[in-house]
N, C-alpha and C. Protein backbone atom coordinates (compact mmCIF):
# COMPACT_ATOMS: atom_id res chain seq x y z
N MET A 1 104.43 55.41 14.73
CA MET A 1 103.00 55.35 14.59
C MET A 1 102.73 56.22 15.86
N HIS A 2 102.11 56.42 15.55
CA HIS A 2 100.86 57.68 16.98
C HIS A 2 99.76 56.58 17.45
N ASN A 3 99.74 56.62 19.41
CA ASN A 3 98.72 55.97 19.18
C ASN A 3 98.13 57.01 19.73
N LYS A 4 96.73 56.90 18.99
CA LYS A 4 95.88 58.47 19.05
C LYS A 4 94.72 58.23 20.46
N GLN A 5 94.54 58.98 21.44
CA GLN A 5 94.58 58.18 22.95
C GLN A 5 92.60 58.82 22.31
N LEU A 6 91.74 57.87 22.86
CA LEU A 6 90.55 58.21 22.15
C LEU A 6 89.66 57.80 23.78
N GLY A 7 88.28 58.90 23.59
CA GLY A 7 87.38 58.15 25.46
C GLY A 7 86.95 59.96 25.80
N LEU A 8 85.96 60.32 26.56
CA LEU A 8 85.60 61.49 26.73
C LEU A 8 86.54 61.66 27.59
N GLY A 9 86.72 63.46 27.72
CA GLY A 9 87.71 63.64 28.81
C GLY A 9 86.73 64.87 29.39
N LEU A 10 87.49 65.11 30.42
CA LEU A 10 86.76 65.60 32.03
C LEU A 10 85.61 66.68 32.18
N GLY A 11 86.15 67.63 30.84
CA GLY A 11 85.54 68.94 30.93
C GLY A 11 83.63 67.98 29.90
N GLY A 12 84.17 66.57 28.66
CA GLY A 12 82.72 65.89 28.93
C GLY A 12 82.41 65.04 29.20
N LEU A 13 82.59 65.02 30.52
CA LEU A 13 81.67 63.46 31.09
C LEU A 13 81.56 64.77 32.20
N LEU A 14 81.87 65.77 32.73
CA LEU A 14 81.08 66.36 33.50
C LEU A 14 79.82 67.61 32.34
N ALA A 15 79.99 68.18 30.85
CA ALA A 15 78.69 67.91 30.62
C ALA A 15 77.84 67.51 30.29
N VAL A 16 77.78 65.60 29.73
CA VAL A 16 76.86 64.89 30.23
C VAL A 16 76.77 64.87 30.83
N SER A 17 77.27 64.72 32.65
CA SER A 17 76.27 64.62 33.67
C SER A 17 75.12 65.76 33.90
N ALA A 18 76.17 66.83 33.76
CA ALA A 18 75.20 68.01 33.69
C ALA A 18 74.11 67.58 33.30
N ILE A 19 73.65 67.18 31.60
CA ILE A 19 72.59 67.28 31.83
C ILE A 19 71.63 66.27 31.68
N LEU A 20 71.89 65.18 31.60
CA LEU A 20 71.59 63.97 32.52
C LEU A 20 71.10 64.14 34.22
N VAL A 21 71.35 64.96 34.78
CA VAL A 21 70.95 65.42 35.95
C VAL A 21 69.88 66.34 35.76
N ALA A 22 69.84 66.91 35.09
CA ALA A 22 69.23 68.33 34.76
C ALA A 22 67.52 66.94 34.43
N VAL A 23 67.44 66.65 32.91
CA VAL A 23 66.74 65.21 32.65
C VAL A 23 65.98 64.92 33.92
N ALA A 24 67.34 64.35 34.39
CA ALA A 24 66.46 63.54 35.83
C ALA A 24 65.95 64.46 36.52
N MET A 25 65.78 65.26 36.80
CA MET A 25 65.36 65.97 38.11
C MET A 25 63.85 66.63 37.41
N VAL A 26 63.83 66.78 35.94
CA VAL A 26 62.47 67.42 35.31
C VAL A 26 61.91 65.79 35.41
N GLY A 27 62.07 64.65 34.92
CA GLY A 27 61.64 63.50 34.67
C GLY A 27 61.42 62.89 36.68
N ILE A 28 61.23 63.56 37.44
CA ILE A 28 61.35 63.38 38.52
C ILE A 28 60.08 64.24 39.05
N LYS A 29 60.09 65.43 38.54
CA LYS A 29 59.27 66.29 38.74
C LYS A 29 57.39 66.26 38.04
N LEU A 30 57.94 65.72 36.74
CA LEU A 30 56.93 65.03 36.22
C LEU A 30 56.09 63.73 36.61
N VAL A 31 56.62 62.93 36.57
CA VAL A 31 56.21 61.81 37.45
C VAL A 31 54.94 61.60 38.10
N PRO A 32 55.10 62.63 39.62
CA PRO A 32 54.01 62.40 40.23
C PRO A 32 52.51 62.86 39.45
N SER A 33 52.67 63.42 38.46
CA SER A 33 51.52 64.37 37.36
C SER A 33 50.81 62.99 36.88
N TYR A 34 51.71 62.42 35.96
CA TYR A 34 51.75 62.18 34.94
C TYR A 34 50.83 60.32 35.83
N LEU A 35 51.36 60.29 37.40
CA LEU A 35 50.79 59.28 37.01
C LEU A 35 49.49 59.49 38.66
N GLU A 36 48.90 60.96 38.74
CA GLU A 36 48.07 61.07 38.99
C GLU A 36 47.06 60.91 38.29
N PHE A 37 47.15 61.22 37.02
CA PHE A 37 46.34 61.20 36.09
C PHE A 37 46.55 59.95 35.43
N MET A 38 47.26 59.22 35.34
CA MET A 38 46.51 57.78 35.06
C MET A 38 45.07 57.02 35.94
N ALA A 39 45.98 57.75 37.60
CA ALA A 39 44.63 57.30 38.18
C ALA A 39 43.45 57.92 38.64
N VAL A 40 43.42 59.13 38.15
CA VAL A 40 41.67 60.46 38.25
C VAL A 40 42.17 58.91 36.73
N LYS A 41 41.96 58.57 35.27
CA LYS A 41 41.50 57.81 34.39
C LYS A 41 40.76 56.64 34.61
N LYS A 42 41.08 56.30 35.93
CA LYS A 42 41.31 55.02 36.10
C LYS A 42 39.60 55.07 36.68
N VAL A 43 39.76 56.34 38.34
CA VAL A 43 38.86 56.22 38.95
C VAL A 43 37.01 57.11 38.39
N ILE A 44 37.32 57.84 36.94
CA ILE A 44 36.89 58.05 35.74
C ILE A 44 35.49 57.02 35.49
N LYS A 45 37.06 55.85 34.82
CA LYS A 45 36.21 55.24 34.49
C LYS A 45 35.00 54.03 35.23
N ALA A 46 36.24 53.40 36.01
CA ALA A 46 35.05 53.00 37.22
C ALA A 46 34.31 53.98 37.87
N VAL A 47 33.86 54.88 37.64
CA VAL A 47 33.30 56.06 38.59
C VAL A 47 31.37 55.74 37.25
N ALA A 48 31.97 55.65 35.64
CA ALA A 48 30.86 55.86 35.31
C ALA A 48 30.89 53.88 35.14
N ASN A 49 31.02 53.48 34.79
CA ASN A 49 30.79 52.21 34.61
C ASN A 49 30.10 51.27 35.74
N GLU A 50 29.57 52.63 37.11
CA GLU A 50 29.47 51.43 38.28
C GLU A 50 27.89 51.21 38.67
N LYS A 51 27.39 51.91 38.28
CA LYS A 51 25.96 50.93 38.03
C LYS A 51 25.00 50.98 36.70
N GLY A 52 25.96 50.77 35.26
CA GLY A 52 25.17 51.21 34.73
C GLY A 52 25.05 52.15 34.32
N GLY A 53 24.04 52.08 33.38
CA GLY A 53 22.93 54.21 33.36
C GLY A 53 22.21 54.34 33.52
N GLY A 54 22.09 53.71 35.89
CA GLY A 54 20.99 54.20 36.58
C GLY A 54 21.67 55.11 37.33
N ALA A 55 22.56 55.64 37.51
CA ALA A 55 22.98 57.20 38.46
C ALA A 55 23.27 57.97 38.05
N THR A 56 23.00 58.68 39.15
CA THR A 56 22.43 60.32 39.38
C THR A 56 23.54 60.82 39.20
N VAL A 57 24.05 62.47 38.23
CA VAL A 57 25.41 62.59 38.71
C VAL A 57 25.87 63.51 40.12
N ALA A 58 24.71 63.39 40.58
CA ALA A 58 25.13 63.34 42.29
C ALA A 58 25.70 62.56 42.46
N GLU A 59 25.51 61.49 42.52
CA GLU A 59 25.94 59.78 43.07
C GLU A 59 27.16 59.59 42.09
N ILE A 60 27.20 60.48 41.11
CA ILE A 60 28.23 59.80 40.02
C ILE A 60 30.05 60.98 40.36
N ARG A 61 29.46 61.80 41.40
CA ARG A 61 30.22 63.03 41.50
C ARG A 61 30.92 63.05 43.71
N LYS A 62 29.99 62.31 43.73
CA LYS A 62 30.33 61.45 44.81
C LYS A 62 30.76 60.31 45.12
N SER A 63 30.51 59.39 44.24
CA SER A 63 31.75 58.52 44.04
C SER A 63 32.87 58.59 43.99
N PHE A 64 32.80 59.65 42.52
CA PHE A 64 34.90 59.66 42.11
C PHE A 64 35.43 61.15 43.43
N ASP A 65 34.88 61.44 44.45
CA ASP A 65 34.74 62.55 45.72
C ASP A 65 35.78 60.71 46.29
N LEU A 66 34.83 60.47 46.80
CA LEU A 66 35.11 58.77 47.57
C LEU A 66 36.45 58.18 47.23
N ARG A 67 36.57 57.97 46.11
CA ARG A 67 37.84 57.03 45.25
C ARG A 67 38.83 57.92 45.25
N ALA A 68 38.48 58.76 44.71
CA ALA A 68 39.85 60.20 44.39
C ALA A 68 40.73 60.21 45.97
N THR A 69 39.53 59.63 47.32
CA THR A 69 40.20 59.67 48.54
C THR A 69 41.63 59.32 48.53
N VAL A 70 40.44 57.83 48.67
CA VAL A 70 41.34 56.48 47.97
C VAL A 70 42.83 56.46 47.73
N ASP A 71 42.45 56.82 46.47
CA ASP A 71 43.18 57.40 45.56
C ASP A 71 44.54 58.44 45.76
N ASN A 72 44.52 59.16 46.92
CA ASN A 72 45.24 59.76 46.57
C ASN A 72 44.96 61.24 45.55
N ILE A 73 43.75 61.40 44.98
CA ILE A 73 43.51 62.52 43.84
C ILE A 73 43.49 63.36 44.22
N GLY A 74 44.20 65.39 43.98
CA GLY A 74 44.06 66.06 44.98
C GLY A 74 43.98 67.43 43.90
N ALA A 75 43.88 66.68 42.11
CA ALA A 75 44.04 68.02 41.10
C ALA A 75 43.00 67.95 41.16
N LEU A 76 41.67 67.43 41.06
CA LEU A 76 40.23 67.87 41.13
C LEU A 76 39.28 67.14 41.72
N THR A 77 38.26 67.48 41.93
CA THR A 77 37.21 66.44 42.88
C THR A 77 36.32 66.91 41.70
N GLY A 78 34.90 65.74 42.46
CA GLY A 78 33.89 65.47 41.69
C GLY A 78 33.29 66.46 41.46
N ALA A 79 33.02 67.66 41.74
CA ALA A 79 32.27 69.34 41.27
C ALA A 79 33.40 69.38 40.37
N ASP A 80 34.48 68.98 39.65
CA ASP A 80 34.77 69.40 38.52
C ASP A 80 34.86 68.68 37.17
N LEU A 81 34.34 67.62 37.48
CA LEU A 81 33.74 66.54 36.11
C LEU A 81 32.68 67.12 34.98
N GLU A 82 32.90 66.99 34.09
CA GLU A 82 31.66 66.58 32.88
C GLU A 82 30.92 65.90 33.23
N VAL A 83 29.29 65.35 33.39
CA VAL A 83 28.98 64.11 33.46
C VAL A 83 27.40 64.27 32.10
N SER A 84 28.09 63.26 30.93
CA SER A 84 26.70 63.43 30.15
C SER A 84 26.23 62.09 29.75
N LYS A 85 25.01 61.43 29.47
CA LYS A 85 24.68 60.44 28.77
C LYS A 85 24.42 60.59 27.80
N GLU A 86 24.88 59.55 26.71
CA GLU A 86 24.87 59.16 25.42
C GLU A 86 24.15 57.79 25.39
N GLY A 87 22.91 57.59 24.78
CA GLY A 87 22.28 56.43 24.57
C GLY A 87 22.09 55.96 26.69
N ASN A 88 22.32 54.66 26.81
CA ASN A 88 22.67 54.72 28.33
C ASN A 88 23.60 53.87 28.94
N GLN A 89 24.56 55.55 28.11
CA GLN A 89 26.50 55.25 29.09
C GLN A 89 26.42 56.42 29.23
N ILE A 90 27.19 56.42 30.43
CA ILE A 90 27.47 57.34 31.10
C ILE A 90 28.77 58.37 31.53
N VAL A 91 28.80 59.43 30.33
CA VAL A 91 30.00 59.40 29.69
C VAL A 91 30.46 60.91 30.64
N VAL A 92 31.42 60.21 31.47
CA VAL A 92 31.74 61.74 32.68
C VAL A 92 33.77 62.21 31.84
N ALA A 93 33.94 63.05 32.42
CA ALA A 93 34.89 63.42 31.79
C ALA A 93 35.34 65.01 32.29
N ALA A 94 36.99 65.20 32.15
CA ALA A 94 37.54 65.97 33.19
C ALA A 94 38.67 66.45 32.27
N LYS A 95 39.07 67.76 32.83
CA LYS A 95 39.35 68.52 31.92
C LYS A 95 40.44 69.27 33.02
N TYR A 96 41.22 69.48 33.11
CA TYR A 96 42.46 69.96 34.47
C TYR A 96 43.84 70.07 33.45
N ARG A 97 44.37 71.62 34.39
CA ARG A 97 45.89 71.84 34.39
C ARG A 97 46.22 72.04 35.60
N LYS A 98 47.79 71.36 35.57
CA LYS A 98 48.87 71.15 36.26
C LYS A 98 49.96 72.01 36.25
N GLU A 99 49.76 73.14 36.91
CA GLU A 99 51.37 73.33 36.98
C GLU A 99 52.30 72.99 38.16
N ILE A 100 53.55 72.97 37.51
CA ILE A 100 54.70 72.50 38.11
C ILE A 100 55.94 73.09 38.06
N PRO A 101 56.46 73.40 39.43
CA PRO A 101 56.99 74.71 39.52
C PRO A 101 58.55 74.11 39.46
N LEU A 102 59.55 74.14 38.64
CA LEU A 102 60.93 73.69 37.75
C LEU A 102 62.41 73.60 39.28
N VAL A 103 62.21 75.04 38.59
CA VAL A 103 63.17 76.46 39.60
C VAL A 103 63.53 78.23 38.77
N ALA A 104 63.41 78.35 40.28
CA ALA A 104 62.90 79.75 40.32
C ALA A 104 61.89 79.86 39.75
N ASN A 105 60.96 80.99 38.74
CA ASN A 105 60.22 81.59 38.24
C ASN A 105 60.15 80.43 37.04
N ILE A 106 61.01 79.47 36.82
CA ILE A 106 60.72 78.48 34.94
C ILE A 106 59.82 77.36 35.99
N GLY A 107 58.51 76.91 34.31
CA GLY A 107 57.85 75.32 35.38
C GLY A 107 57.21 74.91 33.51
N ILE A 108 56.47 74.01 34.16
CA ILE A 108 55.51 73.66 33.03
C ILE A 108 53.97 73.32 33.56
N HIS A 109 53.64 73.63 32.40
CA HIS A 109 51.94 73.71 32.42
C HIS A 109 51.49 72.54 31.36
N ILE A 110 51.21 71.42 32.52
CA ILE A 110 50.55 70.36 31.57
C ILE A 110 49.19 70.49 31.15
N ASP A 111 48.06 70.26 30.22
CA ASP A 111 46.52 69.89 29.99
C ASP A 111 46.27 68.09 30.09
N PHE A 112 45.87 68.08 31.05
CA PHE A 112 44.81 66.99 30.67
C PHE A 112 43.47 66.87 30.79
N SER A 113 43.19 65.30 30.35
CA SER A 113 42.47 65.14 29.74
C SER A 113 41.32 63.69 29.93
N ALA A 114 40.85 62.92 30.10
CA ALA A 114 40.18 61.73 31.24
C ALA A 114 39.28 61.87 30.38
N VAL A 115 38.24 60.39 29.46
CA VAL A 115 37.23 60.58 29.08
C VAL A 115 36.51 58.90 29.86
N SER A 116 36.49 58.46 30.36
CA SER A 116 34.77 57.11 30.70
C SER A 116 35.19 56.89 29.00
N LYS A 117 34.36 57.16 28.88
CA LYS A 117 33.99 55.97 27.01
C LYS A 117 35.45 55.93 26.25
N ASP A 118 35.28 54.23 25.71
CA ASP A 118 36.59 54.50 25.47
C ASP A 118 36.56 54.37 23.56
């Protein structure tokens, strides 16, 4: 009877480890951008609902800038917001692109879009 050894050899272990490290590095670089996007969505919804439908565009942009300072949002400013009104509801929207460098001249571009209305 032959006992055949089962398992992962050293070469396979190194290959799997290299793949896991590469995926983890990409994830570590992407997570902050998505956390910032979640903060942008939260601030946009809060600013749109802040004064009901009676806020001016300048007040909305200033309020966004103040909240963005507190939440450490650097991807966009109040001037980048698109503010419109639908009925009695203020709709605030933002679109921006984030460029994330990975290694050397390789990077990722992510287009984010957030709107205050549901």
